[in-house]
Amino acid sequence: MSWKRRVKYQFDYYRRRALGVFGYAALPDYFTGRTARIVYITILVATSLIYICQTSLAAGSGYEMRDLQNKVNTLQEDIQKIEVEIAENTSMAKLETRLAELNMVAISDIKYISAVETAVAKK
């Protein structure tokens, strides 16, 4: 017998032996019956739908988070603009021009009033 034929017979022997192991292990009908197949397909479809829904929700929340982050950035820019405007309006140069617009003048003589005697009432 040639070596090619010997290798072929050995391969066939091991293949039949391996398949034979699975051939003797028969599963019960409640694992292989029609209702079992329907249950398996139903579980597969339900699992697939749940996966698709969760993926869609994750993508939607990602878009929502991006929109909220853009809104936060816009509001922070507005806050910075308002802070700059406040700083400009509270500067001395701006206050002096507003005083001139309102016809106010600086006082030259300041008079302080002080109490000479202080009295505390006792009971």
PDB file of N, CA and C in Angstrom:
ATOM      1  N   MET A   1       0.843  -1.164   0.000  1.00  0.00           N
ATOM      2  CA  MET A   1       0.000   0.000   0.000  1.00  0.00           C
ATOM      3  C   MET A   1       0.902   1.246   0.000  1.00  0.00           C
ATOM      4  N   SER A   2       0.534   2.205  -0.818  1.00  0.00           N
ATOM      5  CA  SER A   2       1.353   3.405  -0.928  1.00  0.00           C
ATOM      6  C   SER A   2       1.118   4.319   0.278  1.00  0.00           C
ATOM      7  N   TRP A   3       2.039   5.200   0.480  1.00  0.00           N
ATOM      8  CA  TRP A   3       1.932   6.089   1.648  1.00  0.00           C
ATOM      9  C   TRP A   3       0.763   7.056   1.507  1.00  0.00           C
ATOM     10  N   LYS A   4       0.400   7.452   0.276  1.00  0.00           N
ATOM     11  CA  LYS A   4      -0.732   8.355   0.078  1.00  0.00           C
ATOM     12  C   LYS A   4      -2.028   7.667   0.494  1.00  0.00           C
ATOM     13  N   ARG A   5      -2.178   6.406   0.086  1.00  0.00           N
ATOM     14  CA  ARG A   5      -3.386   5.678   0.431  1.00  0.00           C
ATOM     15  C   ARG A   5      -3.449   5.439   1.939  1.00  0.00           C
ATOM     16  N   ARG A   6      -2.317   5.155   2.578  1.00  0.00           N
ATOM     17  CA  ARG A   6      -2.271   4.927   4.018  1.00  0.00           C
ATOM     18  C   ARG A   6      -2.694   6.191   4.775  1.00  0.00           C
ATOM     19  N   VAL A   7      -2.220   7.359   4.327  1.00  0.00           N
ATOM     20  CA  VAL A   7      -2.590   8.633   4.962  1.00  0.00           C
ATOM     21  C   VAL A   7      -4.083   8.882   4.775  1.00  0.00           C
ATOM     22  N   LYS A   8      -4.597   8.547   3.598  1.00  0.00           N
ATOM     23  CA  LYS A   8      -6.022   8.744   3.327  1.00  0.00           C
ATOM     24  C   LYS A   8      -6.859   7.854   4.238  1.00  0.00           C
ATOM     25  N   TYR A   9      -6.485   6.596   4.414  1.00  0.00           N
ATOM     26  CA  TYR A   9      -7.229   5.698   5.290  1.00  0.00           C
ATOM     27  C   TYR A   9      -7.161   6.156   6.751  1.00  0.00           C
ATOM     28  N   GLN A  10      -6.006   6.625   7.166  1.00  0.00           N
ATOM     29  CA  GLN A  10      -5.884   7.113   8.536  1.00  0.00           C
ATOM     30  C   GLN A  10      -6.763   8.349   8.745  1.00  0.00           C
ATOM     31  N   PHE A  11      -6.771   9.239   7.777  1.00  0.00           N
ATOM     32  CA  PHE A  11      -7.611  10.436   7.874  1.00  0.00           C
ATOM     33  C   PHE A  11      -9.091  10.050   7.941  1.00  0.00           C
ATOM     34  N   ASP A  12      -9.518   9.121   7.076  1.00  0.00           N
ATOM     35  CA  ASP A  12     -10.907   8.659   7.085  1.00  0.00           C
ATOM     36  C   ASP A  12     -11.256   7.991   8.409  1.00  0.00           C
ATOM     37  N   TYR A  13     -10.320   7.199   8.950  1.00  0.00           N
ATOM     38  CA  TYR A  13     -10.561   6.529  10.232  1.00  0.00           C
ATOM     39  C   TYR A  13     -10.793   7.546  11.342  1.00  0.00           C
ATOM     40  N   TYR A  14      -9.925   8.537  11.443  1.00  0.00           N
ATOM     41  CA  TYR A  14     -10.069   9.538  12.506  1.00  0.00           C
ATOM     42  C   TYR A  14     -11.325  10.399  12.301  1.00  0.00           C
ATOM     43  N   ARG A  15     -11.659  10.668  11.045  1.00  0.00           N
ATOM     44  CA  ARG A  15     -12.858  11.450  10.769  1.00  0.00           C
ATOM     45  C   ARG A  15     -14.103  10.682  11.196  1.00  0.00           C
ATOM     46  N   ARG A  16     -14.199   9.379  10.824  1.00  0.00           N
ATOM     47  CA  ARG A  16     -15.358   8.567  11.207  1.00  0.00           C
ATOM     48  C   ARG A  16     -15.440   8.407  12.714  1.00  0.00           C
ATOM     49  N   ARG A  17     -14.307   8.298  13.363  1.00  0.00           N
ATOM     50  CA  ARG A  17     -14.283   8.145  14.816  1.00  0.00           C
ATOM     51  C   ARG A  17     -14.767   9.421  15.490  1.00  0.00           C
ATOM     52  N   ALA A  18     -14.323  10.566  14.989  1.00  0.00           N
ATOM     53  CA  ALA A  18     -14.755  11.846  15.564  1.00  0.00           C
ATOM     54  C   ALA A  18     -16.244  12.067  15.326  1.00  0.00           C
ATOM     55  N   LEU A  19     -16.741  11.769  14.149  1.00  0.00           N
ATOM     56  CA  LEU A  19     -18.161  11.931  13.865  1.00  0.00           C
ATOM     57  C   LEU A  19     -18.997  10.915  14.622  1.00  0.00           C
ATOM     58  N   GLY A  20     -18.457   9.775  14.869  1.00  0.00           N
ATOM     59  CA  GLY A  20     -19.172   8.748  15.616  1.00  0.00           C
ATOM     60  C   GLY A  20     -19.475   9.168  17.030  1.00  0.00           C
ATOM     61  N   VAL A  21     -18.589   9.921  17.643  1.00  0.00           N
ATOM     62  CA  VAL A  21     -18.815  10.404  19.003  1.00  0.00           C
ATOM     63  C   VAL A  21     -20.069  11.268  19.038  1.00  0.00           C
ATOM     64  N   PHE A  22     -20.203  12.116  18.034  1.00  0.00           N
ATOM     65  CA  PHE A  22     -21.364  12.992  18.003  1.00  0.00           C
ATOM     66  C   PHE A  22     -22.623  12.256  17.542  1.00  0.00           C
ATOM     67  N   GLY A  23     -22.452  11.199  16.792  1.00  0.00           N
ATOM     68  CA  GLY A  23     -23.596  10.441  16.307  1.00  0.00           C
ATOM     69  C   GLY A  23     -24.298   9.691  17.416  1.00  0.00           C
ATOM     70  N   TYR A  24     -23.579   9.267  18.444  1.00  0.00           N
ATOM     71  CA  TYR A  24     -24.188   8.528  19.546  1.00  0.00           C
ATOM     72  C   TYR A  24     -24.860   9.434  20.556  1.00  0.00           C
ATOM     73  N   ALA A  25     -24.471  10.675  20.609  1.00  0.00           N
ATOM     74  CA  ALA A  25     -25.056  11.612  21.578  1.00  0.00           C
ATOM     75  C   ALA A  25     -26.276  12.264  20.952  1.00  0.00           C
ATOM     76  N   ALA A  26     -27.420  11.637  21.111  1.00  0.00           N
ATOM     77  CA  ALA A  26     -28.660  12.187  20.558  1.00  0.00           C
ATOM     78  C   ALA A  26     -29.310  13.091  21.595  1.00  0.00           C
ATOM     79  N   LEU A  27     -29.754  14.244  21.150  1.00  0.00           N
ATOM     80  CA  LEU A  27     -30.420  15.174  22.045  1.00  0.00           C
ATOM     81  C   LEU A  27     -31.900  14.834  22.133  1.00  0.00           C
ATOM     82  N   PRO A  28     -32.517  15.135  23.263  1.00  0.00           N
ATOM     83  CA  PRO A  28     -33.954  14.866  23.396  1.00  0.00           C
ATOM     84  C   PRO A  28     -34.770  15.745  22.449  1.00  0.00           C
ATOM     85  N   ASP A  29     -36.027  15.347  22.241  1.00  0.00           N
ATOM     86  CA  ASP A  29     -36.889  16.071  21.306  1.00  0.00           C
ATOM     87  C   ASP A  29     -37.193  17.491  21.763  1.00  0.00           C
ATOM     88  N   TYR A  30     -37.224  17.731  23.068  1.00  0.00           N
ATOM     89  CA  TYR A  30     -37.531  19.091  23.510  1.00  0.00           C
ATOM     90  C   TYR A  30     -36.386  20.061  23.222  1.00  0.00           C
ATOM     91  N   PHE A  31     -35.203  19.560  22.847  1.00  0.00           N
ATOM     92  CA  PHE A  31     -34.115  20.427  22.394  1.00  0.00           C
ATOM     93  C   PHE A  31     -34.099  20.593  20.876  1.00  0.00           C
ATOM     94  N   THR A  32     -34.629  19.627  20.159  1.00  0.00           N
ATOM     95  CA  THR A  32     -34.534  19.651  18.701  1.00  0.00           C
ATOM     96  C   THR A  32     -35.876  19.747  17.999  1.00  0.00           C
ATOM     97  N   GLY A  33     -36.967  19.767  18.717  1.00  0.00           N
ATOM     98  CA  GLY A  33     -38.291  19.794  18.106  1.00  0.00           C
ATOM     99  C   GLY A  33     -38.625  21.144  17.490  1.00  0.00           C
ATOM    100  N   ARG A  34     -39.807  21.189  16.892  1.00  0.00           N
ATOM    101  CA  ARG A  34     -40.237  22.407  16.201  1.00  0.00           C
ATOM    102  C   ARG A  34     -40.425  23.575  17.161  1.00  0.00           C
ATOM    103  N   THR A  35     -41.043  23.321  18.305  1.00  0.00           N
ATOM    104  CA  THR A  35     -41.252  24.407  19.283  1.00  0.00           C
ATOM    105  C   THR A  35     -39.920  24.915  19.815  1.00  0.00           C
ATOM    106  N   ALA A  36     -38.962  24.017  19.982  1.00  0.00           N
ATOM    107  CA  ALA A  36     -37.640  24.448  20.461  1.00  0.00           C
ATOM    108  C   ALA A  36     -36.985  25.364  19.445  1.00  0.00           C
ATOM    109  N   ARG A  37     -37.105  25.012  18.162  1.00  0.00           N
ATOM    110  CA  ARG A  37     -36.529  25.874  17.132  1.00  0.00           C
ATOM    111  C   ARG A  37     -37.207  27.240  17.100  1.00  0.00           C
ATOM    112  N   ILE A  38     -38.514  27.249  17.297  1.00  0.00           N
ATOM    113  CA  ILE A  38     -39.243  28.529  17.339  1.00  0.00           C
ATOM    114  C   ILE A  38     -38.767  29.358  18.520  1.00  0.00           C
ATOM    115  N   VAL A  39     -38.586  28.720  19.675  1.00  0.00           N
ATOM    116  CA  VAL A  39     -38.093  29.435  20.864  1.00  0.00           C
ATOM    117  C   VAL A  39     -36.686  29.971  20.604  1.00  0.00           C
ATOM    118  N   TYR A  40     -35.813  29.169  19.989  1.00  0.00           N
ATOM    119  CA  TYR A  40     -34.449  29.627  19.701  1.00  0.00           C
ATOM    120  C   TYR A  40     -34.455  30.834  18.771  1.00  0.00           C
ATOM    121  N   ILE A  41     -35.283  30.772  17.734  1.00  0.00           N
ATOM    122  CA  ILE A  41     -35.353  31.887  16.782  1.00  0.00           C
ATOM    123  C   ILE A  41     -35.918  33.129  17.468  1.00  0.00           C
ATOM    124  N   THR A  42     -36.935  32.937  18.325  1.00  0.00           N
ATOM    125  CA  THR A  42     -37.519  34.066  19.048  1.00  0.00           C
ATOM    126  C   THR A  42     -36.485  34.717  19.962  1.00  0.00           C
ATOM    127  N   ILE A  43     -35.718  33.905  20.660  1.00  0.00           N
ATOM    128  CA  ILE A  43     -34.668  34.450  21.542  1.00  0.00           C
ATOM    129  C   ILE A  43     -33.621  35.191  20.721  1.00  0.00           C
ATOM    130  N   LEU A  44     -33.244  34.631  19.581  1.00  0.00           N
ATOM    131  CA  LEU A  44     -32.252  35.284  18.718  1.00  0.00           C
ATOM    132  C   LEU A  44     -32.763  36.629  18.210  1.00  0.00           C
ATOM    133  N   VAL A  45     -34.018  36.671  17.769  1.00  0.00           N
ATOM    134  CA  VAL A  45     -34.597  37.921  17.259  1.00  0.00           C
ATOM    135  C   VAL A  45     -34.719  38.955  18.382  1.00  0.00           C
ATOM    136  N   ALA A  46     -35.193  38.515  19.561  1.00  0.00           N
ATOM    137  CA  ALA A  46     -35.345  39.445  20.685  1.00  0.00           C
ATOM    138  C   ALA A  46     -33.993  40.014  21.099  1.00  0.00           C
ATOM    139  N   THR A  47     -32.985  39.168  21.170  1.00  0.00           N
ATOM    140  CA  THR A  47     -31.645  39.635  21.546  1.00  0.00           C
ATOM    141  C   THR A  47     -31.117  40.627  20.517  1.00  0.00           C
ATOM    142  N   SER A  48     -31.355  40.344  19.247  1.00  0.00           N
ATOM    143  CA  SER A  48     -30.903  41.262  18.190  1.00  0.00           C
ATOM    144  C   SER A  48     -31.606  42.606  18.284  1.00  0.00           C
ATOM    145  N   LEU A  49     -32.908  42.585  18.522  1.00  0.00           N
ATOM    146  CA  LEU A  49     -33.656  43.841  18.641  1.00  0.00           C
ATOM    147  C   LEU A  49     -33.202  44.648  19.851  1.00  0.00           C
ATOM    148  N   ILE A  50     -32.962  43.977  20.966  1.00  0.00           N
ATOM    149  CA  ILE A  50     -32.482  44.685  22.163  1.00  0.00           C
ATOM    150  C   ILE A  50     -31.125  45.320  21.887  1.00  0.00           C
ATOM    151  N   TYR A  51     -30.250  44.597  21.204  1.00  0.00           N
ATOM    152  CA  TYR A  51     -28.931  45.142  20.874  1.00  0.00           C
ATOM    153  C   TYR A  51     -29.058  46.371  19.975  1.00  0.00           C
ATOM    154  N   ILE A  52     -29.913  46.299  18.973  1.00  0.00           N
ATOM    155  CA  ILE A  52     -30.102  47.429  18.060  1.00  0.00           C
ATOM    156  C   ILE A  52     -30.677  48.628  18.797  1.00  0.00           C
ATOM    157  N   CYS A  53     -31.651  48.381  19.689  1.00  0.00           N
ATOM    158  CA  CYS A  53     -32.253  49.487  20.450  1.00  0.00           C
ATOM    159  C   CYS A  53     -31.224  50.145  21.360  1.00  0.00           C
ATOM    160  N   GLN A  54     -30.417  49.348  22.037  1.00  0.00           N
ATOM    161  CA  GLN A  54     -29.406  49.927  22.930  1.00  0.00           C
ATOM    162  C   GLN A  54     -28.368  50.716  22.143  1.00  0.00           C
ATOM    163  N   THR A  55     -27.993  50.228  20.989  1.00  0.00           N
ATOM    164  CA  THR A  55     -27.038  50.958  20.160  1.00  0.00           C
ATOM    165  C   THR A  55     -27.621  52.281  19.688  1.00  0.00           C
ATOM    166  N   SER A  56     -28.899  52.252  19.310  1.00  0.00           N
ATOM    167  CA  SER A  56     -29.558  53.489  18.868  1.00  0.00           C
ATOM    168  C   SER A  56     -29.663  54.494  20.011  1.00  0.00           C
ATOM    169  N   LEU A  57     -30.009  54.017  21.204  1.00  0.00           N
ATOM    170  CA  LEU A  57     -30.100  54.917  22.358  1.00  0.00           C
ATOM    171  C   LEU A  57     -28.742  55.519  22.700  1.00  0.00           C
ATOM    172  N   ALA A  58     -27.698  54.713  22.616  1.00  0.00           N
ATOM    173  CA  ALA A  58     -26.353  55.223  22.905  1.00  0.00           C
ATOM    174  C   ALA A  58     -25.959  56.297  21.896  1.00  0.00           C
ATOM    175  N   ALA A  59     -26.276  56.064  20.632  1.00  0.00           N
ATOM    176  CA  ALA A  59     -25.949  57.063  19.606  1.00  0.00           C
ATOM    177  C   ALA A  59     -26.758  58.334  19.830  1.00  0.00           C
ATOM    178  N   GLY A  60     -28.031  58.189  20.167  1.00  0.00           N
ATOM    179  CA  GLY A  60     -28.876  59.363  20.415  1.00  0.00           C
ATOM    180  C   GLY A  60     -28.403  60.165  21.609  1.00  0.00           C
ATOM    181  N   SER A  61     -28.003  59.482  22.679  1.00  0.00           N
ATOM    182  CA  SER A  61     -27.510  60.212  23.845  1.00  0.00           C
ATOM    183  C   SER A  61     -26.168  60.879  23.535  1.00  0.00           C
ATOM    184  N   GLY A  62     -25.382  60.295  22.644  1.00  0.00           N
ATOM    185  CA  GLY A  62     -24.135  60.936  22.236  1.00  0.00           C
ATOM    186  C   GLY A  62     -24.393  62.241  21.502  1.00  0.00           C
ATOM    187  N   TYR A  63     -25.384  62.231  20.596  1.00  0.00           N
ATOM    188  CA  TYR A  63     -25.740  63.463  19.885  1.00  0.00           C
ATOM    189  C   TYR A  63     -26.280  64.510  20.861  1.00  0.00           C
ATOM    190  N   GLU A  64     -27.102  64.070  21.807  1.00  0.00           N
ATOM    191  CA  GLU A  64     -27.664  65.007  22.788  1.00  0.00           C
ATOM    192  C   GLU A  64     -26.564  65.607  23.655  1.00  0.00           C
ATOM    193  N   MET A  65     -25.593  64.782  24.048  1.00  0.00           N
ATOM    194  CA  MET A  65     -24.482  65.274  24.854  1.00  0.00           C
ATOM    195  C   MET A  65     -23.658  66.298  24.078  1.00  0.00           C
ATOM    196  N   ARG A  66     -23.453  66.052  22.780  1.00  0.00           N
ATOM    197  CA  ARG A  66     -22.709  67.007  21.957  1.00  0.00           C
ATOM    198  C   ARG A  66     -23.448  68.335  21.858  1.00  0.00           C
ATOM    199  N   ASP A  67     -24.774  68.283  21.675  1.00  0.00           N
ATOM    200  CA  ASP A  67     -25.560  69.513  21.600  1.00  0.00           C
ATOM    201  C   ASP A  67     -25.498  70.286  22.913  1.00  0.00           C
ATOM    202  N   LEU A  68     -25.601  69.569  24.034  1.00  0.00           N
ATOM    203  CA  LEU A  68     -25.530  70.238  25.338  1.00  0.00           C
ATOM    204  C   LEU A  68     -24.150  70.841  25.572  1.00  0.00           C
ATOM    205  N   GLN A  69     -23.104  70.162  25.131  1.00  0.00           N
ATOM    206  CA  GLN A  69     -21.753  70.697  25.280  1.00  0.00           C
ATOM    207  C   GLN A  69     -21.585  71.973  24.450  1.00  0.00           C
ATOM    208  N   ASN A  70     -22.155  71.976  23.234  1.00  0.00           N
ATOM    209  CA  ASN A  70     -22.115  73.194  22.411  1.00  0.00           C
ATOM    210  C   ASN A  70     -22.858  74.329  23.094  1.00  0.00           C
ATOM    211  N   LYS A  71     -23.986  74.019  23.732  1.00  0.00           N
ATOM    212  CA  LYS A  71     -24.753  75.042  24.439  1.00  0.00           C
ATOM    213  C   LYS A  71     -23.959  75.590  25.624  1.00  0.00           C
ATOM    214  N   VAL A  72     -23.278  74.702  26.349  1.00  0.00           N
ATOM    215  CA  VAL A  72     -22.440  75.141  27.475  1.00  0.00           C
ATOM    216  C   VAL A  72     -21.337  76.066  26.979  1.00  0.00           C
ATOM    217  N   ASN A  73     -20.699  75.708  25.878  1.00  0.00           N
ATOM    218  CA  ASN A  73     -19.629  76.552  25.326  1.00  0.00           C
ATOM    219  C   ASN A  73     -20.163  77.919  24.914  1.00  0.00           C
ATOM    220  N   THR A  74     -21.344  77.949  24.296  1.00  0.00           N
ATOM    221  CA  THR A  74     -21.945  79.216  23.892  1.00  0.00           C
ATOM    222  C   THR A  74     -22.255  80.078  25.114  1.00  0.00           C
ATOM    223  N   LEU A  75     -22.808  79.461  26.156  1.00  0.00           N
ATOM    224  CA  LEU A  75     -23.126  80.223  27.368  1.00  0.00           C
ATOM    225  C   LEU A  75     -21.862  80.729  28.063  1.00  0.00           C
ATOM    226  N   GLN A  76     -20.796  79.951  28.047  1.00  0.00           N
ATOM    227  CA  GLN A  76     -19.543  80.418  28.641  1.00  0.00           C
ATOM    228  C   GLN A  76     -18.984  81.609  27.868  1.00  0.00           C
ATOM    229  N   GLU A  77     -19.107  81.586  26.550  1.00  0.00           N
ATOM    230  CA  GLU A  77     -18.665  82.734  25.754  1.00  0.00           C
ATOM    231  C   GLU A  77     -19.509  83.962  26.081  1.00  0.00           C
ATOM    232  N   ASP A  78     -20.831  83.785  26.251  1.00  0.00           N
ATOM    233  CA  ASP A  78     -21.701  84.902  26.619  1.00  0.00           C
ATOM    234  C   ASP A  78     -21.322  85.463  27.984  1.00  0.00           C
ATOM    235  N   ILE A  79     -20.998  84.582  28.926  1.00  0.00           N
ATOM    236  CA  ILE A  79     -20.585  85.037  30.263  1.00  0.00           C
ATOM    237  C   ILE A  79     -19.306  85.854  30.175  1.00  0.00           C
ATOM    238  N   GLN A  80     -18.358  85.406  29.362  1.00  0.00           N
ATOM    239  CA  GLN A  80     -17.115  86.156  29.213  1.00  0.00           C
ATOM    240  C   GLN A  80     -17.362  87.531  28.595  1.00  0.00           C
ATOM    241  N   LYS A  81     -18.261  87.595  27.606  1.00  0.00           N
ATOM    242  CA  LYS A  81     -18.591  88.888  27.002  1.00  0.00           C
ATOM    243  C   LYS A  81     -19.232  89.815  28.020  1.00  0.00           C
ATOM    244  N   ILE A  82     -20.115  89.294  28.852  1.00  0.00           N
ATOM    245  CA  ILE A  82     -20.776  90.118  29.868  1.00  0.00           C
ATOM    246  C   ILE A  82     -19.772  90.581  30.911  1.00  0.00           C
ATOM    247  N   GLU A  83     -18.819  89.705  31.289  1.00  0.00           N
ATOM    248  CA  GLU A  83     -17.796  90.108  32.255  1.00  0.00           C
ATOM    249  C   GLU A  83     -16.926  91.227  31.686  1.00  0.00           C
ATOM    250  N   VAL A  84     -16.598  91.151  30.407  1.00  0.00           N
ATOM    251  CA  VAL A  84     -15.822  92.225  29.771  1.00  0.00           C
ATOM    252  C   VAL A  84     -16.626  93.519  29.773  1.00  0.00           C
ATOM    253  N   GLU A  85     -17.908  93.415  29.477  1.00  0.00           N
ATOM    254  CA  GLU A  85     -18.768  94.601  29.471  1.00  0.00           C
ATOM    255  C   GLU A  85     -18.879  95.222  30.860  1.00  0.00           C
ATOM    256  N   ILE A  86     -18.977  94.386  31.884  1.00  0.00           N
ATOM    257  CA  ILE A  86     -19.020  94.887  33.265  1.00  0.00           C
ATOM    258  C   ILE A  86     -17.716  95.581  33.605  1.00  0.00           C
ATOM    259  N   ALA A  87     -16.589  94.990  33.219  1.00  0.00           N
ATOM    260  CA  ALA A  87     -15.287  95.604  33.504  1.00  0.00           C
ATOM    261  C   ALA A  87     -15.161  96.953  32.798  1.00  0.00           C
ATOM    262  N   GLU A  88     -15.666  97.054  31.582  1.00  0.00           N
ATOM    263  CA  GLU A  88     -15.604  98.325  30.863  1.00  0.00           C
ATOM    264  C   GLU A  88     -16.477  99.384  31.537  1.00  0.00           C
ATOM    265  N   ASN A  89     -17.664  98.967  31.993  1.00  0.00           N
ATOM    266  CA  ASN A  89     -18.586  99.936  32.594  1.00  0.00           C
ATOM    267  C   ASN A  89     -18.186 100.352  34.000  1.00  0.00           C
ATOM    268  N   THR A  90     -17.357  99.596  34.680  1.00  0.00           N
ATOM    269  CA  THR A  90     -16.931  99.978  36.025  1.00  0.00           C
ATOM    270  C   THR A  90     -15.561 100.633  36.040  1.00  0.00           C
ATOM    271  N   SER A  91     -14.969 100.898  34.900  1.00  0.00           N
ATOM    272  CA  SER A  91     -13.672 101.566  34.872  1.00  0.00           C
ATOM    273  C   SER A  91     -13.858 103.043  35.227  1.00  0.00           C
ATOM    274  N   MET A  92     -12.792 103.649  35.720  1.00  0.00           N
ATOM    275  CA  MET A  92     -12.853 105.049  36.158  1.00  0.00           C
ATOM    276  C   MET A  92     -13.158 105.981  34.990  1.00  0.00           C
ATOM    277  N   ALA A  93     -12.599 105.710  33.837  1.00  0.00           N
ATOM    278  CA  ALA A  93     -12.848 106.580  32.679  1.00  0.00           C
ATOM    279  C   ALA A  93     -14.325 106.554  32.311  1.00  0.00           C
ATOM    280  N   LYS A  94     -14.930 105.406  32.339  1.00  0.00           N
ATOM    281  CA  LYS A  94     -16.350 105.297  31.997  1.00  0.00           C
ATOM    282  C   LYS A  94     -17.212 105.971  33.058  1.00  0.00           C
ATOM    283  N   LEU A  95     -16.825 105.811  34.330  1.00  0.00           N
ATOM    284  CA  LEU A  95     -17.592 106.461  35.404  1.00  0.00           C
ATOM    285  C   LEU A  95     -17.511 107.987  35.294  1.00  0.00           C
ATOM    286  N   GLU A  96     -16.348 108.501  34.966  1.00  0.00           N
ATOM    287  CA  GLU A  96     -16.208 109.959  34.842  1.00  0.00           C
ATOM    288  C   GLU A  96     -17.040 110.493  33.684  1.00  0.00           C
ATOM    289  N   THR A  97     -17.074 109.782  32.566  1.00  0.00           N
ATOM    290  CA  THR A  97     -17.900 110.249  31.444  1.00  0.00           C
ATOM    291  C   THR A  97     -19.375 110.175  31.794  1.00  0.00           C
ATOM    292  N   ARG A  98     -19.774 109.165  32.554  1.00  0.00           N
ATOM    293  CA  ARG A  98     -21.190 109.079  32.950  1.00  0.00           C
ATOM    294  C   ARG A  98     -21.549 110.169  33.955  1.00  0.00           C
ATOM    295  N   LEU A  99     -20.608 110.496  34.830  1.00  0.00           N
ATOM    296  CA  LEU A  99     -20.862 111.595  35.769  1.00  0.00           C
ATOM    297  C   LEU A  99     -21.043 112.904  35.016  1.00  0.00           C
ATOM    298  N   ALA A 100     -20.224 113.132  33.999  1.00  0.00           N
ATOM    299  CA  ALA A 100     -20.350 114.358  33.203  1.00  0.00           C
ATOM    300  C   ALA A 100     -21.674 114.368  32.446  1.00  0.00           C
ATOM    301  N   GLU A 101     -22.120 113.229  31.956  1.00  0.00           N
ATOM    302  CA  GLU A 101     -23.402 113.157  31.256  1.00  0.00           C
ATOM    303  C   GLU A 101     -24.575 113.455  32.185  1.00  0.00           C
ATOM    304  N   LEU A 102     -24.449 113.066  33.452  1.00  0.00           N
ATOM    305  CA  LEU A 102     -25.533 113.286  34.416  1.00  0.00           C
ATOM    306  C   LEU A 102     -25.433 114.641  35.117  1.00  0.00           C
ATOM    307  N   ASN A 103     -24.486 115.492  34.672  1.00  0.00           N
ATOM    308  CA  ASN A 103     -24.265 116.828  35.245  1.00  0.00           C
ATOM    309  C   ASN A 103     -23.933 116.776  36.730  1.00  0.00           C
ATOM    310  N   MET A 104     -23.128 115.844  37.118  1.00  0.00           N
ATOM    311  CA  MET A 104     -22.657 115.769  38.506  1.00  0.00           C
ATOM    312  C   MET A 104     -21.249 116.340  38.551  1.00  0.00           C
ATOM    313  N   VAL A 105     -20.960 116.960  39.686  1.00  0.00           N
ATOM    314  CA  VAL A 105     -19.630 117.545  39.854  1.00  0.00           C
ATOM    315  C   VAL A 105     -18.972 116.948  41.078  1.00  0.00           C
ATOM    316  N   ALA A 106     -17.671 116.984  41.108  1.00  0.00           N
ATOM    317  CA  ALA A 106     -16.923 116.473  42.256  1.00  0.00           C
ATOM    318  C   ALA A 106     -16.988 117.487  43.383  1.00  0.00           C
ATOM    319  N   ILE A 107     -17.095 117.023  44.591  1.00  0.00           N
ATOM    320  CA  ILE A 107     -17.161 117.942  45.731  1.00  0.00           C
ATOM    321  C   ILE A 107     -15.751 118.364  46.120  1.00  0.00           C
ATOM    322  N   SER A 108     -15.661 119.608  46.594  1.00  0.00           N
ATOM    323  CA  SER A 108     -14.336 120.114  46.945  1.00  0.00           C
ATOM    324  C   SER A 108     -14.158 120.174  48.455  1.00  0.00           C
ATOM    325  N   ASP A 109     -15.211 120.466  49.180  1.00  0.00           N
ATOM    326  CA  ASP A 109     -15.099 120.604  50.622  1.00  0.00           C
ATOM    327  C   ASP A 109     -15.953 119.527  51.282  1.00  0.00           C
ATOM    328  N   ILE A 110     -15.283 118.605  51.989  1.00  0.00           N
ATOM    329  CA  ILE A 110     -16.002 117.518  52.648  1.00  0.00           C
ATOM    330  C   ILE A 110     -16.152 117.876  54.108  1.00  0.00           C
ATOM    331  N   LYS A 111     -17.377 117.806  54.607  1.00  0.00           N
ATOM    332  CA  LYS A 111     -17.660 118.077  56.021  1.00  0.00           C
ATOM    333  C   LYS A 111     -18.117 116.787  56.674  1.00  0.00           C
ATOM    334  N   TYR A 112     -17.505 116.469  57.811  1.00  0.00           N
ATOM    335  CA  TYR A 112     -17.847 115.264  58.558  1.00  0.00           C
ATOM    336  C   TYR A 112     -18.601 115.677  59.803  1.00  0.00           C
ATOM    337  N   ILE A 113     -19.561 114.928  60.198  1.00  0.00           N
ATOM    338  CA  ILE A 113     -20.319 115.180  61.425  1.00  0.00           C
ATOM    339  C   ILE A 113     -19.912 114.110  62.416  1.00  0.00           C
ATOM    340  N   SER A 114     -19.575 114.553  63.603  1.00  0.00           N
ATOM    341  CA  SER A 114     -19.215 113.578  64.632  1.00  0.00           C
ATOM    342  C   SER A 114     -19.976 113.910  65.905  1.00  0.00           C
ATOM    343  N   ALA A 115     -20.366 112.903  66.609  1.00  0.00           N
ATOM    344  CA  ALA A 115     -21.086 113.098  67.879  1.00  0.00           C
ATOM    345  C   ALA A 115     -20.057 113.288  68.975  1.00  0.00           C
ATOM    346  N   VAL A 116     -20.275 114.322  69.816  1.00  0.00           N
ATOM    347  CA  VAL A 116     -19.325 114.641  70.860  1.00  0.00           C
ATOM    348  C   VAL A 116     -19.505 113.683  72.031  1.00  0.00           C
ATOM    349  N   GLU A 117     -20.708 113.534  72.457  1.00  0.00           N
ATOM    350  CA  GLU A 117     -20.970 112.640  73.584  1.00  0.00           C
ATOM    351  C   GLU A 117     -21.795 111.461  73.113  1.00  0.00           C
ATOM    352  N   THR A 118     -21.451 110.360  73.700  1.00  0.00           N
ATOM    353  CA  THR A 118     -22.245 109.166  73.414  1.00  0.00           C
ATOM    354  C   THR A 118     -22.895 108.714  74.708  1.00  0.00           C
ATOM    355  N   ALA A 119     -24.100 108.332  74.645  1.00  0.00           N
ATOM    356  CA  ALA A 119     -24.817 107.899  75.848  1.00  0.00           C
ATOM    357  C   ALA A 119     -25.394 106.529  75.618  1.00  0.00           C
ATOM    358  N   VAL A 120     -25.305 105.748  76.690  1.00  0.00           N
ATOM    359  CA  VAL A 120     -25.869 104.401  76.635  1.00  0.00           C
ATOM    360  C   VAL A 120     -26.899 104.327  77.757  1.00  0.00           C
ATOM    361  N   ALA A 121     -28.037 103.837  77.427  1.00  0.00           N
ATOM    362  CA  ALA A 121     -29.106 103.738  78.427  1.00  0.00           C
ATOM    363  C   ALA A 121     -28.976 102.437  79.181  1.00  0.00           C
ATOM    364  N   LYS A 122     -29.138 102.543  80.532  1.00  0.00           N
ATOM    365  CA  LYS A 122     -29.112 101.354  81.377  1.00  0.00           C
ATOM    366  C   LYS A 122     -30.495 101.156  81.961  1.00  0.00           C
ATOM    367  N   LYS A 123     -30.769  99.965  82.236  1.00  0.00           N
ATOM    368  CA  LYS A 123     -32.088  99.681  82.790  1.00  0.00           C
ATOM    369  C   LYS A 123     -32.033  99.554  84.282  1.00  0.00           C
TER     370      LYS A 123
END
